[in-house]
Protein backbone atom coordinates (compact mmCIF):
# COMPACT_ATOMS: atom_id res chain seq x y z
CA UNK A 1 -12.04 -46.41 25.74
CA UNK A 2 -14.09 -49.63 25.43
CA UNK A 3 -17.56 -50.15 24.01
CA UNK A 4 -18.88 -50.23 27.59
CA UNK A 5 -17.50 -46.73 28.27
CA UNK A 6 -19.35 -44.30 25.99
CA UNK A 7 -17.91 -40.86 25.45
CA UNK A 8 -20.89 -39.28 27.21
CA UNK A 9 -19.79 -40.90 30.47
CA UNK A 10 -16.25 -39.57 30.36
CA UNK A 11 -15.21 -36.39 32.14
CA UNK A 12 -13.25 -34.32 29.62
CA UNK A 13 -11.59 -32.51 32.54
CA UNK A 14 -9.55 -35.69 32.85
CA UNK A 15 -7.98 -34.85 29.50
CA UNK A 16 -6.71 -31.55 30.96
CA UNK A 17 -5.35 -33.36 34.01
CA UNK A 18 -3.73 -36.04 31.85
CA UNK A 19 -2.00 -33.44 29.69
CA UNK A 20 -0.60 -31.67 32.77
CA UNK A 21 0.57 -34.93 34.33
CA UNK A 22 2.26 -36.09 31.14
CA UNK A 23 3.95 -32.71 30.69
CA UNK A 24 5.04 -32.09 34.28
CA UNK A 25 5.62 -35.75 35.28
CA UNK A 26 4.74 -34.74 38.80
CA UNK A 27 1.44 -34.56 40.68
CA UNK A 28 2.64 -31.54 42.64
CA UNK A 29 3.79 -29.53 39.63
CA UNK A 30 0.75 -30.53 37.58
CA UNK A 31 -1.56 -29.39 40.40
CA UNK A 32 0.25 -26.04 40.59
CA UNK A 33 -0.05 -25.62 36.83
CA UNK A 34 -3.80 -26.23 36.92
CA UNK A 35 -4.31 -24.24 40.16
CA UNK A 36 -5.73 -27.33 41.90
CA UNK A 37 -4.99 -28.91 45.23
CA UNK A 38 -2.71 -31.92 45.21
CA UNK A 39 -5.43 -34.26 46.57
CA UNK A 40 -7.78 -33.16 43.76
CA UNK A 41 -5.23 -33.99 41.08
CA UNK A 42 -4.31 -37.23 42.82
CA UNK A 43 -7.97 -38.20 42.58
CA UNK A 44 -7.90 -37.47 38.83
CA UNK A 45 -4.76 -39.58 38.47
CA UNK A 46 -6.49 -42.45 40.28
CA UNK A 47 -9.43 -42.25 37.85
CA UNK A 48 -7.06 -42.19 34.88
CA UNK A 49 -5.20 -45.22 36.22
CA UNK A 50 -8.47 -47.09 36.59
CA UNK A 51 -9.65 -46.12 33.12
CA UNK A 52 -6.44 -47.07 31.32
CA UNK A 53 -5.37 -49.92 33.57
CA UNK A 54 -1.90 -48.38 33.76
CA UNK A 55 -0.04 -46.45 36.51
CA UNK A 56 0.74 -43.53 34.11
CA UNK A 57 3.39 -42.27 36.57
CA UNK A 58 5.79 -44.80 38.13
CA UNK A 59 8.06 -43.94 41.05
CA UNK A 60 11.80 -44.25 40.42
CA UNK A 61 13.63 -43.38 43.65
CA UNK A 62 12.61 -39.85 44.62
CA UNK A 63 11.13 -39.00 41.23
CA UNK A 64 8.37 -40.19 38.92
CA UNK A 65 8.74 -41.40 35.35
CA UNK A 66 6.15 -41.92 32.64
CA UNK A 67 5.31 -45.52 31.92
CA UNK A 68 5.83 -46.79 28.35
CA UNK A 69 2.05 -46.58 27.85
CA UNK A 70 2.00 -42.97 29.11
CA UNK A 71 4.78 -42.07 26.65
CA UNK A 72 2.55 -43.36 23.85
CA UNK A 73 -0.38 -41.36 25.24
CA UNK A 74 1.69 -38.16 25.24
CA UNK A 75 1.87 -38.28 21.44
CA UNK A 76 -1.92 -37.88 21.21
CA UNK A 77 -3.01 -36.04 24.35
CA UNK A 78 -1.88 -32.55 23.36
CA UNK A 79 -3.49 -32.93 19.93
CA UNK A 80 -6.75 -34.15 21.46
CA UNK A 81 -6.80 -31.31 24.01
CA UNK A 82 -6.14 -28.69 21.35
CA UNK A 83 -8.88 -30.15 19.14
CA UNK A 84 -11.35 -30.08 22.02
CA UNK A 85 -10.38 -26.49 22.83
CA UNK A 86 -11.00 -25.48 19.21
CA UNK A 87 -14.47 -27.07 19.29
CA UNK A 88 -15.56 -25.06 22.32
CA UNK A 89 -13.89 -21.84 21.17
CA UNK A 90 -15.81 -21.88 17.88
CA UNK A 91 -18.47 -19.21 17.47
CA UNK A 92 -21.69 -19.41 15.48
CA UNK A 93 -21.41 -15.74 14.55
CA UNK A 94 -17.79 -14.76 14.00
CA UNK A 95 -16.27 -11.48 12.94
CA UNK A 96 -12.55 -10.72 12.72
CA UNK A 97 -12.99 -7.39 14.50
CA UNK A 98 -14.36 -9.09 17.63
CA UNK A 99 -12.20 -12.23 17.54
CA UNK A 100 -9.49 -13.12 20.03
CA UNK A 101 -8.47 -16.33 18.30
CA UNK A 102 -4.85 -17.44 18.20
CA UNK A 103 -3.69 -19.04 14.93
CA UNK A 104 -0.74 -21.40 15.17
CA UNK A 105 1.45 -21.66 12.06
CA UNK A 106 4.49 -23.88 11.50
CA UNK A 107 7.31 -22.65 9.29
CA UNK A 108 10.92 -21.57 8.99
CA UNK A 109 12.42 -18.26 10.04
CA UNK A 110 12.43 -17.37 6.33
CA UNK A 111 8.65 -17.73 6.21
CA UNK A 112 8.15 -15.82 9.45
CA UNK A 113 10.44 -12.94 8.48
CA UNK A 114 8.74 -12.52 5.11
CA UNK A 115 5.09 -13.41 4.75
CA UNK A 116 4.59 -13.92 8.48
CA UNK A 117 5.33 -10.28 9.25
CA UNK A 118 3.06 -9.05 6.44
CA UNK A 119 0.17 -11.29 7.54
CA UNK A 120 0.57 -10.18 11.18
CA UNK A 121 0.51 -6.53 10.09
CA UNK A 122 -2.67 -7.02 8.07
CA UNK A 123 -4.30 -8.83 10.99
CA UNK A 124 -3.38 -6.02 13.41
CA UNK A 125 -5.10 -3.52 11.12
CA UNK A 126 -8.30 -5.52 10.69
CA UNK A 127 -8.60 -7.78 13.72
CA UNK A 128 -6.62 -6.33 16.65
CA UNK A 129 -7.61 -9.16 18.99
CA UNK A 130 -6.32 -11.93 16.71
CA UNK A 131 -2.93 -13.41 17.62
CA UNK A 132 -0.44 -15.56 15.73
CA UNK A 133 1.81 -18.19 17.22
CA UNK A 134 4.62 -18.94 14.77
CA UNK A 135 6.30 -22.27 15.52
CA UNK A 136 9.60 -23.31 13.94
CA UNK A 137 9.16 -26.57 12.12
CA UNK A 138 11.69 -29.41 12.10
CA UNK A 139 12.23 -32.24 9.59
CA UNK A 140 10.26 -34.48 11.95
CA UNK A 141 7.33 -32.04 12.01
CA UNK A 142 7.29 -31.82 8.21
CA UNK A 143 7.38 -35.60 7.86
CA UNK A 144 4.44 -35.88 10.29
CA UNK A 145 2.54 -32.90 8.85
CA UNK A 146 -0.80 -34.75 8.35
CA UNK A 147 -0.96 -35.35 12.11
CA UNK A 148 0.66 -32.10 13.28
CA UNK A 149 -1.76 -30.02 11.23
CA UNK A 150 -4.76 -31.51 13.00
CA UNK A 151 -3.96 -29.38 16.04
CA UNK A 152 -2.13 -26.49 14.32
CA UNK A 153 -3.73 -24.17 11.79
CA UNK A 154 -1.24 -24.22 8.95
CA UNK A 155 2.31 -24.72 7.73
CA UNK A 156 4.35 -22.34 5.59
CA UNK A 157 6.34 -24.55 3.24
CA UNK A 158 7.43 -24.51 -0.41
CA UNK A 159 6.08 -27.11 -2.80
CA UNK A 160 8.02 -30.36 -3.00
CA UNK A 161 7.61 -31.68 0.54
CA UNK A 162 3.87 -32.23 1.13
CA UNK A 163 1.25 -33.95 -1.01
CA UNK A 164 -2.46 -34.74 -0.78
CA UNK A 165 -3.20 -31.79 1.50
CA UNK A 166 -5.09 -28.56 0.74
CA UNK A 167 -2.95 -25.49 0.14
CA UNK A 168 -2.95 -21.98 -1.29
CA UNK A 169 0.00 -20.68 -3.29
CA UNK A 170 1.50 -17.52 -1.83
CA UNK A 171 4.42 -16.13 -3.84
CA UNK A 172 7.40 -17.08 -5.98
CA UNK A 173 10.95 -16.52 -4.85
CA UNK A 174 14.43 -17.07 -6.30
CA UNK A 175 17.75 -18.32 -4.96
CA UNK A 176 20.91 -16.23 -4.54
CA UNK A 177 24.34 -16.78 -3.03
CA UNK A 178 25.83 -14.73 -0.21
CA UNK A 179 29.60 -14.43 0.22
CA UNK A 180 31.87 -12.36 2.40
CA UNK A 181 33.18 -9.10 0.98
CA UNK A 182 36.63 -10.43 1.96
CA UNK A 183 36.19 -13.56 -0.16
CA UNK A 184 38.86 -13.22 -2.90
CA UNK A 185 38.03 -16.59 -4.44
CA UNK A 186 34.68 -15.37 -5.73
CA UNK A 187 34.70 -12.42 -8.11
CA UNK A 188 31.78 -10.33 -9.25
CA UNK A 189 30.15 -13.47 -10.63
CA UNK A 190 29.95 -16.90 -9.04
CA UNK A 191 31.08 -19.73 -11.32
CA UNK A 192 30.47 -23.49 -11.31
CA UNK A 193 34.14 -23.93 -10.36
CA UNK A 194 33.53 -21.64 -7.36
CA UNK A 195 30.67 -23.88 -6.24
CA UNK A 196 32.80 -27.00 -6.61
CA UNK A 197 35.76 -25.55 -4.70
CA UNK A 198 34.03 -23.54 -1.94
CA UNK A 199 32.89 -24.58 1.50
CA UNK A 200 29.19 -24.04 2.23
CA UNK A 201 26.84 -23.03 5.00
CA UNK A 202 23.75 -25.17 4.43
CA UNK A 203 20.29 -25.36 5.96
CA UNK A 204 18.46 -28.63 6.60
CA UNK A 205 21.19 -30.71 4.97
CA UNK A 206 20.05 -34.32 5.23
CA UNK A 207 18.45 -37.05 3.16
CA UNK A 208 14.90 -35.92 3.98
CA UNK A 209 15.48 -32.19 4.66
CA UNK A 210 17.08 -30.01 2.01
CA UNK A 211 16.64 -26.91 -0.10
CA UNK A 212 15.78 -27.13 -3.78
CA UNK A 213 18.88 -25.13 -4.79
CA UNK A 214 21.23 -27.46 -2.90
CA UNK A 215 19.53 -30.51 -4.41
CA UNK A 216 19.80 -28.94 -7.88
CA UNK A 217 23.54 -28.45 -7.41
CA UNK A 218 23.89 -32.16 -6.73
CA UNK A 219 21.86 -32.95 -9.84
CA UNK A 220 24.32 -30.81 -11.81
CA UNK A 221 27.18 -32.96 -10.53
CA UNK A 222 28.42 -30.72 -7.72
CA UNK A 223 28.63 -32.29 -4.28
CA UNK A 224 29.01 -29.26 -2.00
CA UNK A 225 31.58 -29.37 0.78
CA UNK A 226 29.48 -28.45 3.81
CA UNK A 227 31.31 -26.73 6.66
CA UNK A 228 28.30 -25.67 8.73
CA UNK A 229 24.66 -26.82 8.92
CA UNK A 230 22.08 -24.54 10.54
CA UNK A 231 18.31 -24.81 10.74
CA UNK A 232 17.93 -21.07 10.26
CA UNK A 233 18.11 -19.11 7.02
CA UNK A 234 18.63 -15.83 8.85
CA UNK A 235 21.72 -17.26 10.57
CA UNK A 236 23.50 -18.08 7.29
CA UNK A 237 25.09 -14.62 6.75
CA UNK A 238 26.79 -14.72 10.15
CA UNK A 239 28.57 -17.97 9.26
CA UNK A 240 29.60 -16.53 5.88
CA UNK A 241 30.90 -13.22 7.24
CA UNK A 242 34.71 -13.03 7.27
CA UNK A 243 35.12 -16.48 5.69
CA UNK A 244 35.42 -18.10 2.25
CA UNK A 245 32.13 -19.93 2.73
CA UNK A 246 29.14 -19.62 0.41
CA UNK A 247 25.54 -19.56 1.60
CA UNK A 248 22.31 -19.99 -0.34
CA UNK A 249 19.46 -17.63 0.52
CA UNK A 250 16.07 -16.70 -0.89
CA UNK A 251 15.51 -13.44 -2.73
CA UNK A 252 13.10 -12.11 -0.09
CA UNK A 253 15.93 -12.26 2.47
CA UNK A 254 18.42 -10.26 0.42
CA UNK A 255 17.32 -6.91 1.95
CA UNK A 256 18.11 -8.30 5.42
CA UNK A 257 21.53 -9.51 4.25
CA UNK A 258 22.31 -6.30 2.36
CA UNK A 259 21.75 -4.36 5.58
CA UNK A 260 24.74 -6.17 7.10
CA UNK A 261 28.15 -4.79 6.21
CA UNK A 262 30.87 -7.08 4.93
CA UNK A 263 28.67 -9.27 2.70
CA UNK A 264 27.92 -9.52 -1.00
CA UNK A 265 24.90 -10.97 -2.80
CA UNK A 266 25.77 -12.73 -6.07
CA UNK A 267 23.72 -14.66 -8.60
CA UNK A 268 24.08 -18.40 -9.00
CA UNK A 269 25.81 -19.68 -12.14
CA UNK A 270 22.86 -21.92 -13.02
CA UNK A 271 19.14 -21.31 -13.48
CA UNK A 272 17.86 -22.31 -10.06
CA UNK A 273 14.27 -23.52 -10.03
CA UNK A 274 12.11 -20.78 -8.46
CA UNK A 275 10.54 -21.45 -5.07
CA UNK A 276 6.76 -21.64 -4.93
CA UNK A 277 5.84 -20.87 -1.34
CA UNK A 278 2.49 -22.15 -0.10
CA UNK A 279 0.30 -22.34 3.00
CA UNK A 280 -0.80 -25.90 3.84
CA UNK A 281 -3.51 -27.08 6.23
CA UNK A 282 -5.43 -30.18 7.26
CA UNK A 283 -8.80 -30.86 5.57
CA UNK A 284 -10.47 -30.74 9.01
CA UNK A 285 -10.12 -26.93 8.87
CA UNK A 286 -11.69 -26.62 5.43
CA UNK A 287 -15.13 -25.35 6.51
CA UNK A 288 -13.98 -23.19 9.40
CA UNK A 289 -14.86 -19.54 8.54
CA UNK A 290 -12.16 -18.21 10.89
CA UNK A 291 -9.58 -20.42 9.23
CA UNK A 292 -10.80 -19.33 5.79
CA UNK A 293 -10.29 -15.70 6.85
CA UNK A 294 -6.75 -16.53 7.96
CA UNK A 295 -6.02 -18.26 4.64
CA UNK A 296 -7.28 -15.24 2.75
CA UNK A 297 -5.03 -13.01 4.86
CA UNK A 298 -1.94 -15.02 3.90
CA UNK A 299 -3.00 -15.08 0.24
CA UNK A 300 -3.20 -11.28 0.27
CA UNK A 301 0.15 -11.06 2.02
CA UNK A 302 1.61 -13.30 -0.68
CA UNK A 303 0.33 -11.01 -3.44
CA UNK A 304 1.98 -8.05 -1.70
CA UNK A 305 5.28 -9.89 -1.48
CA UNK A 306 5.05 -10.87 -5.14
CA UNK A 307 4.70 -7.20 -6.13
CA UNK A 308 7.63 -6.23 -3.90
CA UNK A 309 9.80 -9.02 -5.36
CA UNK A 310 9.11 -7.87 -8.92
CA UNK A 311 9.88 -4.27 -8.00
CA UNK A 312 13.21 -5.15 -6.36
CA UNK A 313 14.17 -7.47 -9.23
């Protein structure tokens, strides 16, 4: 947008059309998605092409492809549309009991299976119209958290990955090892030699994505031999079952693992640094009363989990 095109002269419906076109990469499919006629959406595309000075969609044989400029636009369009939607969905007088807001939260399956379920249960009791959309994060999402959290409500993530963003601490957790009941190499107690000689199932095993326990092992001089890498904590037991592999899991997941036959939970042979789980958000949400309610809900859920952890320990 140039200085000669003030925001007041732009039709924000074009943002909806642009998002559909960039997602569907087809005028026909985008029109069907928006329940518009094809000529109506073609007219919107023409206005977008005039505004940006770019074709947006370029024909390649019998199909259309996004232009390089359109690919750049796609990185911002969804965020802008979601931000605009949040502006117009805001209510001057808001009460949880009457709300139908959907909160979007990034995190891992560990976060969803633990505090996510508790928070959703609390919300169902107090605000039956409120919904949660839990979205699995990736290393790329975590690295781009300051931008991703402009359009999402929060991210469930332990300390050690994000800085300079508001957060609320939720609950502490500890690390344990899971091995197969058939694993004869590991006795009742796991030793440092066991760690050095065993194959591992690891999560997020890369230079920028890792768990604190795995990093601590390296700091203690043990370079784990990694057989399998999964981006799911709940999947670890299935890759340990019936093998000599070792997996690292959080304490809050041990009840799920213990419910599976053929597995054993054992303590690590070193004092693993406890996990401090937190809820992170962008400062743009700081004064939103609905968002503050959601943060309080997760804080309460964290206190409940803390009590449960102490009781099970």
